[in-house]
């Protein structure tokens, strides 16, 4: 796996991006592209190298920030190398490399269908696994919460949307563990002191230089 993060405007030039991509694709099976996470305390320092960060609303709330040129480039890499996938999610890239289906509830989400450039064989693998999997029961969710130290935490199991909504503030690592346990998307309110973040939930692109992901 080639992990491409972050991208700054000074490196988001066609010559640099083509050189990095072609070199990585020679050795890796796929690329994972993730943007810059801008924490409030780091904004002044980062803005010294990327001034638009300081004048763009929502930049510290976004999970990932991309230069527009970088965003456009990575989503055209399938034209440059058709058999080389691009992902925005680590779990999907690992599943692809290991020949396994999605285990983190990404399949069918907007990231899956609109952002990841996933090979058809991998999508078929995920779809087949999803069809075989029995419907998740509330008792299973309660047991997973208890196992992770959050017994009696209120939640909503939303089958149509394919997700569990936890009505409490949980650390991101706990949410990630629950997602793996249940094989379904888990949404929680994040602790402000939590040093971790989920890098596949949001995106911001600062036009003409930046893209934010929410």
C-alpha atoms as a PDB file:
ATOM      1  CA  UNK A   1       0.000   0.000   0.000  1.00  0.00           C
ATOM      2  CA  UNK A   2       1.147   3.506  -0.812  1.00  0.00           C
ATOM      3  CA  UNK A   3      -0.145   5.993   1.781  1.00  0.00           C
ATOM      4  CA  UNK A   4      -0.265   9.545   0.379  1.00  0.00           C
ATOM      5  CA  UNK A   5      -0.768  12.083   3.137  1.00  0.00           C
ATOM      6  CA  UNK A   6      -0.810  15.026   3.366  1.00  0.00           C
ATOM      7  CA  UNK A   7      -0.552  17.156   0.241  1.00  0.00           C
ATOM      8  CA  UNK A   8       0.467  20.814   0.305  1.00  0.00           C
ATOM      9  CA  UNK A   9       0.121  23.250  -2.609  1.00  0.00           C
ATOM     10  CA  UNK A  10       3.881  23.387  -3.112  1.00  0.00           C
ATOM     11  CA  UNK A  11       3.974  19.645  -3.805  1.00  0.00           C
ATOM     12  CA  UNK A  12       0.663  19.519  -5.706  1.00  0.00           C
ATOM     13  CA  UNK A  13       2.298  20.216  -9.052  1.00  0.00           C
ATOM     14  CA  UNK A  14       1.738  17.976 -12.048  1.00  0.00           C
ATOM     15  CA  UNK A  15       5.416  17.055 -12.297  1.00  0.00           C
ATOM     16  CA  UNK A  16       5.730  16.136  -8.624  1.00  0.00           C
ATOM     17  CA  UNK A  17       2.435  14.247  -8.401  1.00  0.00           C
ATOM     18  CA  UNK A  18       3.128  12.231 -11.544  1.00  0.00           C
ATOM     19  CA  UNK A  19       6.603  11.316 -10.294  1.00  0.00           C
ATOM     20  CA  UNK A  20       5.291  10.219  -6.878  1.00  0.00           C
ATOM     21  CA  UNK A  21       2.380   8.276  -8.328  1.00  0.00           C
ATOM     22  CA  UNK A  22       4.398   6.481 -11.003  1.00  0.00           C
ATOM     23  CA  UNK A  23       7.120   5.525  -8.530  1.00  0.00           C
ATOM     24  CA  UNK A  24       4.618   4.259  -5.932  1.00  0.00           C
ATOM     25  CA  UNK A  25       2.576   2.313  -8.479  1.00  0.00           C
ATOM     26  CA  UNK A  26       5.716   0.454  -9.519  1.00  0.00           C
ATOM     27  CA  UNK A  27       5.980  -1.185  -6.097  1.00  0.00           C
ATOM     28  CA  UNK A  28       2.589  -0.899  -4.348  1.00  0.00           C
ATOM     29  CA  UNK A  29      -0.732  -2.600  -5.088  1.00  0.00           C
ATOM     30  CA  UNK A  30      -2.813   0.538  -4.456  1.00  0.00           C
ATOM     31  CA  UNK A  31      -2.721   4.080  -3.105  1.00  0.00           C
ATOM     32  CA  UNK A  32      -4.564   5.488  -0.096  1.00  0.00           C
ATOM     33  CA  UNK A  33      -4.990   9.257  -0.360  1.00  0.00           C
ATOM     34  CA  UNK A  34      -5.814  11.217   2.777  1.00  0.00           C
ATOM     35  CA  UNK A  35      -5.721  14.962   3.258  1.00  0.00           C
ATOM     36  CA  UNK A  36      -4.300  17.193   5.937  1.00  0.00           C
ATOM     37  CA  UNK A  37      -5.932  17.269   9.374  1.00  0.00           C
ATOM     38  CA  UNK A  38      -5.881  20.854  10.676  1.00  0.00           C
ATOM     39  CA  UNK A  39      -6.146  21.034  14.445  1.00  0.00           C
ATOM     40  CA  UNK A  40      -6.987  24.526  15.811  1.00  0.00           C
ATOM     41  CA  UNK A  41      -3.706  24.806  17.717  1.00  0.00           C
ATOM     42  CA  UNK A  42      -1.713  23.983  14.590  1.00  0.00           C
ATOM     43  CA  UNK A  43      -3.575  26.320  12.230  1.00  0.00           C
ATOM     44  CA  UNK A  44      -1.286  29.386  12.600  1.00  0.00           C
ATOM     45  CA  UNK A  45       1.833  27.297  11.936  1.00  0.00           C
ATOM     46  CA  UNK A  46       0.296  25.442   8.989  1.00  0.00           C
ATOM     47  CA  UNK A  47      -1.033  28.682   7.526  1.00  0.00           C
ATOM     48  CA  UNK A  48       2.525  29.955   7.229  1.00  0.00           C
ATOM     49  CA  UNK A  49       2.988  27.397   4.438  1.00  0.00           C
ATOM     50  CA  UNK A  50      -0.624  27.327   3.244  1.00  0.00           C
ATOM     51  CA  UNK A  51      -2.156  30.819   3.783  1.00  0.00           C
ATOM     52  CA  UNK A  52      -5.633  29.861   2.490  1.00  0.00           C
ATOM     53  CA  UNK A  53      -6.105  27.653   5.542  1.00  0.00           C
ATOM     54  CA  UNK A  54      -6.394  30.746   7.729  1.00  0.00           C
ATOM     55  CA  UNK A  55      -9.162  32.296   5.623  1.00  0.00           C
ATOM     56  CA  UNK A  56     -11.298  29.252   4.830  1.00  0.00           C
ATOM     57  CA  UNK A  57     -14.346  28.659   7.068  1.00  0.00           C
ATOM     58  CA  UNK A  58     -14.632  25.146   8.442  1.00  0.00           C
ATOM     59  CA  UNK A  59     -11.028  24.182   7.879  1.00  0.00           C
ATOM     60  CA  UNK A  60     -10.489  22.981  11.468  1.00  0.00           C
ATOM     61  CA  UNK A  61     -13.783  21.080  11.509  1.00  0.00           C
ATOM     62  CA  UNK A  62     -12.949  19.098   8.379  1.00  0.00           C
ATOM     63  CA  UNK A  63     -11.326  15.720   8.734  1.00  0.00           C
ATOM     64  CA  UNK A  64      -9.238  16.128   5.581  1.00  0.00           C
ATOM     65  CA  UNK A  65      -8.021  19.123   3.596  1.00  0.00           C
ATOM     66  CA  UNK A  66      -6.711  18.828   0.024  1.00  0.00           C
ATOM     67  CA  UNK A  67      -5.260  21.198  -2.550  1.00  0.00           C
ATOM     68  CA  UNK A  68      -7.689  21.285  -5.461  1.00  0.00           C
ATOM     69  CA  UNK A  69      -4.944  20.273  -7.897  1.00  0.00           C
ATOM     70  CA  UNK A  70      -4.126  17.202  -5.810  1.00  0.00           C
ATOM     71  CA  UNK A  71      -7.800  16.229  -5.528  1.00  0.00           C
ATOM     72  CA  UNK A  72      -8.286  16.495  -9.273  1.00  0.00           C
ATOM     73  CA  UNK A  73      -5.115  14.542  -9.981  1.00  0.00           C
ATOM     74  CA  UNK A  74      -5.757  11.543  -7.745  1.00  0.00           C
ATOM     75  CA  UNK A  75      -9.279  11.144  -9.096  1.00  0.00           C
ATOM     76  CA  UNK A  76      -7.904  10.884 -12.611  1.00  0.00           C
ATOM     77  CA  UNK A  77      -5.170   8.353 -11.820  1.00  0.00           C
ATOM     78  CA  UNK A  78      -7.327   5.505 -13.149  1.00  0.00           C
ATOM     79  CA  UNK A  79      -6.773   7.007 -16.604  1.00  0.00           C
ATOM     80  CA  UNK A  80      -3.016   6.999 -16.078  1.00  0.00           C
ATOM     81  CA  UNK A  81      -2.896   3.447 -14.689  1.00  0.00           C
ATOM     82  CA  UNK A  82      -6.281   1.675 -15.091  1.00  0.00           C
ATOM     83  CA  UNK A  83      -5.424  -1.431 -13.039  1.00  0.00           C
ATOM     84  CA  UNK A  84      -4.120   0.486 -10.030  1.00  0.00           C
ATOM     85  CA  UNK A  85      -6.806   1.328  -7.421  1.00  0.00           C
ATOM     86  CA  UNK A  86      -7.151   4.490  -5.362  1.00  0.00           C
ATOM     87  CA  UNK A  87      -8.807   4.457  -1.942  1.00  0.00           C
ATOM     88  CA  UNK A  88      -9.737   7.057   0.652  1.00  0.00           C
ATOM     89  CA  UNK A  89     -10.141   4.419   3.359  1.00  0.00           C
ATOM     90  CA  UNK A  90      -7.347   2.385   4.917  1.00  0.00           C
ATOM     91  CA  UNK A  91      -9.621  -0.557   5.655  1.00  0.00           C
ATOM     92  CA  UNK A  92     -10.704  -0.888   2.015  1.00  0.00           C
ATOM     93  CA  UNK A  93      -7.118  -0.800   0.797  1.00  0.00           C
ATOM     94  CA  UNK A  94      -6.115  -3.490   3.288  1.00  0.00           C
ATOM     95  CA  UNK A  95      -9.121  -5.613   2.324  1.00  0.00           C
ATOM     96  CA  UNK A  96      -8.158  -5.309  -1.337  1.00  0.00           C
ATOM     97  CA  UNK A  97      -4.509  -6.215  -0.763  1.00  0.00           C
ATOM     98  CA  UNK A  98      -5.450  -9.173   1.456  1.00  0.00           C
ATOM     99  CA  UNK A  99      -8.252 -10.396  -0.807  1.00  0.00           C
ATOM    100  CA  UNK A 100     -10.880  -9.910   1.902  1.00  0.00           C
ATOM    101  CA  UNK A 101     -14.278  -8.185   1.962  1.00  0.00           C
ATOM    102  CA  UNK A 102     -14.936  -4.898   3.760  1.00  0.00           C
ATOM    103  CA  UNK A 103     -15.180  -5.325   7.539  1.00  0.00           C
ATOM    104  CA  UNK A 104     -15.664  -1.716   8.528  1.00  0.00           C
ATOM    105  CA  UNK A 105     -19.065  -0.829   7.104  1.00  0.00           C
ATOM    106  CA  UNK A 106     -17.670   1.170   4.195  1.00  0.00           C
ATOM    107  CA  UNK A 107     -19.330  -0.873   1.442  1.00  0.00           C
ATOM    108  CA  UNK A 108     -22.281   0.988  -0.069  1.00  0.00           C
ATOM    109  CA  UNK A 109     -21.394   4.309   1.572  1.00  0.00           C
ATOM    110  CA  UNK A 110     -20.728   7.506  -0.357  1.00  0.00           C
ATOM    111  CA  UNK A 111     -16.988   7.037   0.128  1.00  0.00           C
ATOM    112  CA  UNK A 112     -17.322   3.564  -1.374  1.00  0.00           C
ATOM    113  CA  UNK A 113     -19.433   4.480  -4.370  1.00  0.00           C
ATOM    114  CA  UNK A 114     -18.287   8.020  -5.164  1.00  0.00           C
ATOM    115  CA  UNK A 115     -14.677   8.293  -3.920  1.00  0.00           C
ATOM    116  CA  UNK A 116     -12.902   4.939  -3.859  1.00  0.00           C
ATOM    117  CA  UNK A 117     -11.732   3.681  -7.252  1.00  0.00           C
ATOM    118  CA  UNK A 118     -12.306   0.062  -6.342  1.00  0.00           C
ATOM    119  CA  UNK A 119     -11.840  -2.816  -8.815  1.00  0.00           C
ATOM    120  CA  UNK A 120     -15.044  -4.583  -9.823  1.00  0.00           C
ATOM    121  CA  UNK A 121     -13.800  -7.894  -8.414  1.00  0.00           C
ATOM    122  CA  UNK A 122     -13.307  -6.306  -4.996  1.00  0.00           C
ATOM    123  CA  UNK A 123     -16.768  -4.713  -5.074  1.00  0.00           C
ATOM    124  CA  UNK A 124     -18.247  -8.082  -5.973  1.00  0.00           C
ATOM    125  CA  UNK A 125     -16.396  -9.663  -3.048  1.00  0.00           C
ATOM    126  CA  UNK A 126     -17.803  -7.066  -0.649  1.00  0.00           C
ATOM    127  CA  UNK A 127     -21.304  -7.356  -2.096  1.00  0.00           C
ATOM    128  CA  UNK A 128     -21.323 -11.148  -1.795  1.00  0.00           C
ATOM    129  CA  UNK A 129     -20.165 -10.949   1.820  1.00  0.00           C
ATOM    130  CA  UNK A 130     -22.782  -8.304   2.568  1.00  0.00           C
ATOM    131  CA  UNK A 131     -25.567 -10.483   1.140  1.00  0.00           C
ATOM    132  CA  UNK A 132     -24.447 -13.532   3.125  1.00  0.00           C
ATOM    133  CA  UNK A 133     -24.195 -11.685   6.413  1.00  0.00           C
ATOM    134  CA  UNK A 134     -27.267 -12.053   8.679  1.00  0.00           C
ATOM    135  CA  UNK A 135     -29.078  -8.908   9.772  1.00  0.00           C
ATOM    136  CA  UNK A 136     -27.471  -7.346  12.826  1.00  0.00           C
ATOM    137  CA  UNK A 137     -29.500  -7.717  16.022  1.00  0.00           C
ATOM    138  CA  UNK A 138     -29.717  -5.157  18.819  1.00  0.00           C
ATOM    139  CA  UNK A 139     -28.525  -7.805  21.274  1.00  0.00           C
ATOM    140  CA  UNK A 140     -25.307  -8.125  19.260  1.00  0.00           C
ATOM    141  CA  UNK A 141     -24.735  -4.379  19.446  1.00  0.00           C
ATOM    142  CA  UNK A 142     -25.334  -4.368  23.209  1.00  0.00           C
ATOM    143  CA  UNK A 143     -22.898  -7.232  23.675  1.00  0.00           C
ATOM    144  CA  UNK A 144     -20.232  -5.426  21.609  1.00  0.00           C
ATOM    145  CA  UNK A 145     -20.682  -2.228  23.613  1.00  0.00           C
ATOM    146  CA  UNK A 146     -20.373  -4.150  26.875  1.00  0.00           C
ATOM    147  CA  UNK A 147     -17.264  -5.955  25.649  1.00  0.00           C
ATOM    148  CA  UNK A 148     -15.664  -2.600  24.833  1.00  0.00           C
ATOM    149  CA  UNK A 149     -16.501  -1.153  28.251  1.00  0.00           C
ATOM    150  CA  UNK A 150     -19.581   0.873  27.277  1.00  0.00           C
ATOM    151  CA  UNK A 151     -22.444  -1.211  28.610  1.00  0.00           C
ATOM    152  CA  UNK A 152     -25.848   0.502  28.924  1.00  0.00           C
ATOM    153  CA  UNK A 153     -24.888   3.092  26.298  1.00  0.00           C
ATOM    154  CA  UNK A 154     -27.929   4.141  24.267  1.00  0.00           C
ATOM    155  CA  UNK A 155     -27.869   3.520  20.514  1.00  0.00           C
ATOM    156  CA  UNK A 156     -30.068   3.279  17.427  1.00  0.00           C
ATOM    157  CA  UNK A 157     -29.645   0.440  14.959  1.00  0.00           C
ATOM    158  CA  UNK A 158     -30.580   1.857  11.565  1.00  0.00           C
ATOM    159  CA  UNK A 159     -30.866  -1.044   9.123  1.00  0.00           C
ATOM    160  CA  UNK A 160     -31.946   1.021   6.071  1.00  0.00           C
ATOM    161  CA  UNK A 161     -28.884   3.272   6.396  1.00  0.00           C
ATOM    162  CA  UNK A 162     -26.623   0.411   7.431  1.00  0.00           C
ATOM    163  CA  UNK A 163     -25.265   2.005  10.581  1.00  0.00           C
ATOM    164  CA  UNK A 164     -25.359   2.123  14.362  1.00  0.00           C
ATOM    165  CA  UNK A 165     -25.720   5.559  15.925  1.00  0.00           C
ATOM    166  CA  UNK A 166     -24.318   5.736  19.456  1.00  0.00           C
ATOM    167  CA  UNK A 167     -26.065   8.364  21.561  1.00  0.00           C
ATOM    168  CA  UNK A 168     -23.011   9.154  23.645  1.00  0.00           C
ATOM    169  CA  UNK A 169     -19.526  10.576  23.383  1.00  0.00           C
ATOM    170  CA  UNK A 170     -17.013   7.804  22.758  1.00  0.00           C
ATOM    171  CA  UNK A 171     -13.316   7.844  21.856  1.00  0.00           C
ATOM    172  CA  UNK A 172     -12.581   7.321  18.178  1.00  0.00           C
ATOM    173  CA  UNK A 173     -10.600   4.165  18.932  1.00  0.00           C
ATOM    174  CA  UNK A 174     -13.669   2.693  20.659  1.00  0.00           C
ATOM    175  CA  UNK A 175     -15.824   3.542  17.638  1.00  0.00           C
ATOM    176  CA  UNK A 176     -13.274   1.931  15.326  1.00  0.00           C
ATOM    177  CA  UNK A 177     -13.204  -1.216  17.469  1.00  0.00           C
ATOM    178  CA  UNK A 178     -17.007  -1.406  17.463  1.00  0.00           C
ATOM    179  CA  UNK A 179     -17.060  -0.955  13.694  1.00  0.00           C
ATOM    180  CA  UNK A 180     -14.706  -3.901  13.309  1.00  0.00           C
ATOM    181  CA  UNK A 181     -16.688  -6.000  15.799  1.00  0.00           C
ATOM    182  CA  UNK A 182     -20.011  -5.359  14.091  1.00  0.00           C
ATOM    183  CA  UNK A 183     -18.993  -4.942  10.453  1.00  0.00           C
ATOM    184  CA  UNK A 184     -21.231  -1.894  10.129  1.00  0.00           C
ATOM    185  CA  UNK A 185     -20.744   1.883  10.207  1.00  0.00           C
ATOM    186  CA  UNK A 186     -20.727   3.266  13.743  1.00  0.00           C
ATOM    187  CA  UNK A 187     -21.384   6.960  14.360  1.00  0.00           C
ATOM    188  CA  UNK A 188     -20.519   8.587  17.677  1.00  0.00           C
ATOM    189  CA  UNK A 189     -20.014  12.041  19.136  1.00  0.00           C
ATOM    190  CA  UNK A 190     -16.282  12.625  19.464  1.00  0.00           C
ATOM    191  CA  UNK A 191     -14.488  13.637  22.638  1.00  0.00           C
ATOM    192  CA  UNK A 192     -12.799  17.019  22.200  1.00  0.00           C
ATOM    193  CA  UNK A 193      -9.706  15.718  24.010  1.00  0.00           C
ATOM    194  CA  UNK A 194      -9.495  12.672  21.766  1.00  0.00           C
ATOM    195  CA  UNK A 195      -6.087  12.671  20.017  1.00  0.00           C
ATOM    196  CA  UNK A 196      -7.366  10.405  17.246  1.00  0.00           C
ATOM    197  CA  UNK A 197      -9.688  11.136  14.373  1.00  0.00           C
ATOM    198  CA  UNK A 198     -11.514   9.262  11.663  1.00  0.00           C
ATOM    199  CA  UNK A 199      -9.941  10.103   8.320  1.00  0.00           C
ATOM    200  CA  UNK A 200     -12.733   8.859   6.089  1.00  0.00           C
ATOM    201  CA  UNK A 201     -15.730  10.872   7.212  1.00  0.00           C
ATOM    202  CA  UNK A 202     -15.209  14.332   5.852  1.00  0.00           C
ATOM    203  CA  UNK A 203     -13.462  16.227   3.119  1.00  0.00           C
ATOM    204  CA  UNK A 204     -12.783  19.873   2.313  1.00  0.00           C
ATOM    205  CA  UNK A 205     -11.432  21.298  -0.916  1.00  0.00           C
ATOM    206  CA  UNK A 206     -10.409  24.931  -0.797  1.00  0.00           C
ATOM    207  CA  UNK A 207     -11.155  26.316  -4.229  1.00  0.00           C
ATOM    208  CA  UNK A 208      -9.035  27.010  -6.100  1.00  0.00           C
ATOM    209  CA  UNK A 209      -6.379  25.557  -3.824  1.00  0.00           C
ATOM    210  CA  UNK A 210      -8.038  23.435  -1.166  1.00  0.00           C
ATOM    211  CA  UNK A 211     -10.647  20.756  -0.754  1.00  0.00           C
ATOM    212  CA  UNK A 212     -12.202  19.907   2.602  1.00  0.00           C
ATOM    213  CA  UNK A 213     -13.748  16.557   3.418  1.00  0.00           C
ATOM    214  CA  UNK A 214     -16.641  16.399   5.927  1.00  0.00           C
END
